[in-house]
Structure formats: C-alpha cells, structure tokens
Amino acid sequence: KVAAISGDARRALEIAKRALEILETSDKPGAKAVDEAFKELFS
C-alpha cells in the first residue's frame, strides 16, 4: 500500500513539474498547463 501512495505522489510531482515548465514557456492559464502536462505524460 505504501508503494501505491508513493507512486501516486511521484506522479503528482511529475505533473506539477511539467506544468511549471509549460507555464514558463507559454501564456496558458495554470489549469490548462496542468491539463496539457497530464495529457503529455499519460497518453
């Protein structure tokens, strides 16, 4: 169970990191950057 929780935390941090990278290079609002990061990482 701990592995599942830490895996979820890692995914959340990975999405947040990518969203910040997108925000730094574009003018997208925060929610759209998070959505784009999620799509990039999990599709």
N, C-alpha and C. Protein backbone atom coordinates (compact mmCIF):
# COMPACT_ATOMS: atom_id res chain seq x y z
N LYS A 1 0.82 -1.19 0.00
CA LYS A 1 0.00 0.00 0.00
C LYS A 1 0.86 1.26 0.00
N VAL A 2 1.96 1.23 0.71
CA VAL A 2 2.85 2.39 0.74
C VAL A 2 3.41 2.68 -0.65
N ALA A 3 3.74 1.64 -1.39
CA ALA A 3 4.27 1.83 -2.74
C ALA A 3 3.25 2.52 -3.63
N ALA A 4 2.00 2.17 -3.50
CA ALA A 4 0.96 2.81 -4.31
C ALA A 4 0.85 4.29 -3.98
N ILE A 5 0.92 4.61 -2.70
CA ILE A 5 0.82 6.01 -2.28
C ILE A 5 2.02 6.80 -2.76
N SER A 6 3.21 6.25 -2.61
CA SER A 6 4.41 6.98 -3.05
C SER A 6 4.44 7.10 -4.57
N GLY A 7 3.91 6.10 -5.27
CA GLY A 7 3.82 6.18 -6.72
C GLY A 7 2.88 7.28 -7.15
N ASP A 8 1.75 7.42 -6.46
CA ASP A 8 0.81 8.50 -6.76
C ASP A 8 1.43 9.85 -6.49
N ALA A 9 2.18 9.96 -5.41
CA ALA A 9 2.85 11.23 -5.09
C ALA A 9 3.89 11.57 -6.16
N ARG A 10 4.62 10.56 -6.62
CA ARG A 10 5.60 10.79 -7.68
C ARG A 10 4.93 11.29 -8.95
N ARG A 11 3.81 10.69 -9.30
CA ARG A 11 3.07 11.13 -10.49
C ARG A 11 2.60 12.56 -10.34
N ALA A 12 2.07 12.90 -9.18
CA ALA A 12 1.59 14.26 -8.94
C ALA A 12 2.73 15.27 -9.07
N LEU A 13 3.89 14.93 -8.51
CA LEU A 13 5.04 15.83 -8.61
C LEU A 13 5.54 15.94 -10.05
N GLU A 14 5.50 14.85 -10.79
CA GLU A 14 5.92 14.87 -12.19
C GLU A 14 4.99 15.77 -13.01
N ILE A 15 3.69 15.66 -12.77
CA ILE A 15 2.72 16.51 -13.47
C ILE A 15 2.96 17.97 -13.11
N ALA A 16 3.16 18.26 -11.82
CA ALA A 16 3.39 19.64 -11.38
C ALA A 16 4.66 20.21 -12.00
N LYS A 17 5.71 19.40 -12.06
CA LYS A 17 6.97 19.86 -12.65
C LYS A 17 6.78 20.20 -14.12
N ARG A 18 6.11 19.33 -14.85
CA ARG A 18 5.89 19.58 -16.28
C ARG A 18 4.98 20.79 -16.48
N ALA A 19 3.96 20.95 -15.64
CA ALA A 19 3.07 22.10 -15.74
C ALA A 19 3.84 23.40 -15.54
N LEU A 20 4.76 23.42 -14.59
CA LEU A 20 5.58 24.61 -14.37
C LEU A 20 6.45 24.91 -15.59
N GLU A 21 7.00 23.87 -16.20
CA GLU A 21 7.80 24.06 -17.42
C GLU A 21 6.95 24.67 -18.52
N ILE A 22 5.72 24.19 -18.67
CA ILE A 22 4.81 24.72 -19.69
C ILE A 22 4.48 26.17 -19.39
N LEU A 23 4.19 26.48 -18.12
CA LEU A 23 3.85 27.86 -17.73
C LEU A 23 5.00 28.82 -18.00
N GLU A 24 6.23 28.37 -17.81
CA GLU A 24 7.39 29.23 -18.02
C GLU A 24 7.58 29.59 -19.49
N THR A 25 7.12 28.74 -20.39
CA THR A 25 7.36 28.97 -21.82
C THR A 25 6.11 29.35 -22.60
N SER A 26 4.98 29.51 -21.93
CA SER A 26 3.76 29.86 -22.65
C SER A 26 2.92 30.81 -21.83
N ASP A 27 1.82 31.25 -22.42
CA ASP A 27 0.92 32.15 -21.71
C ASP A 27 -0.39 31.45 -21.33
N LYS A 28 -0.34 30.14 -21.22
CA LYS A 28 -1.54 29.38 -20.85
C LYS A 28 -1.86 29.58 -19.38
N PRO A 29 -3.15 29.64 -19.05
CA PRO A 29 -3.53 29.69 -17.63
C PRO A 29 -3.09 28.40 -16.91
N GLY A 30 -2.96 28.46 -15.61
CA GLY A 30 -2.46 27.34 -14.82
C GLY A 30 -3.19 26.03 -15.06
N ALA A 31 -4.52 26.07 -15.07
CA ALA A 31 -5.30 24.84 -15.23
C ALA A 31 -5.04 24.20 -16.60
N LYS A 32 -4.91 25.01 -17.63
CA LYS A 32 -4.65 24.45 -18.96
C LYS A 32 -3.25 23.84 -19.03
N ALA A 33 -2.30 24.45 -18.34
CA ALA A 33 -0.94 23.90 -18.32
C ALA A 33 -0.92 22.56 -17.61
N VAL A 34 -1.66 22.44 -16.52
CA VAL A 34 -1.73 21.16 -15.80
C VAL A 34 -2.40 20.11 -16.68
N ASP A 35 -3.47 20.49 -17.36
CA ASP A 35 -4.16 19.56 -18.25
C ASP A 35 -3.23 19.09 -19.37
N GLU A 36 -2.49 20.02 -19.96
CA GLU A 36 -1.56 19.66 -21.03
C GLU A 36 -0.45 18.74 -20.51
N ALA A 37 0.07 19.04 -19.33
CA ALA A 37 1.11 18.21 -18.74
C ALA A 37 0.60 16.80 -18.50
N PHE A 38 -0.61 16.70 -17.96
CA PHE A 38 -1.21 15.39 -17.70
C PHE A 38 -1.35 14.60 -19.00
N LYS A 39 -1.85 15.26 -20.04
CA LYS A 39 -2.03 14.58 -21.32
C LYS A 39 -0.69 14.13 -21.91
N GLU A 40 0.34 14.98 -21.80
CA GLU A 40 1.66 14.62 -22.33
C GLU A 40 2.23 13.40 -21.61
N LEU A 41 2.08 13.37 -20.31
CA LEU A 41 2.72 12.32 -19.53
C LEU A 41 1.96 11.00 -19.53
N PHE A 42 0.66 11.04 -19.75
CA PHE A 42 -0.14 9.82 -19.61
C PHE A 42 -0.94 9.45 -20.85
N SER A 43 -0.49 9.91 -22.01
CA SER A 43 -1.18 9.47 -23.22
C SER A 43 -0.20 8.98 -24.25
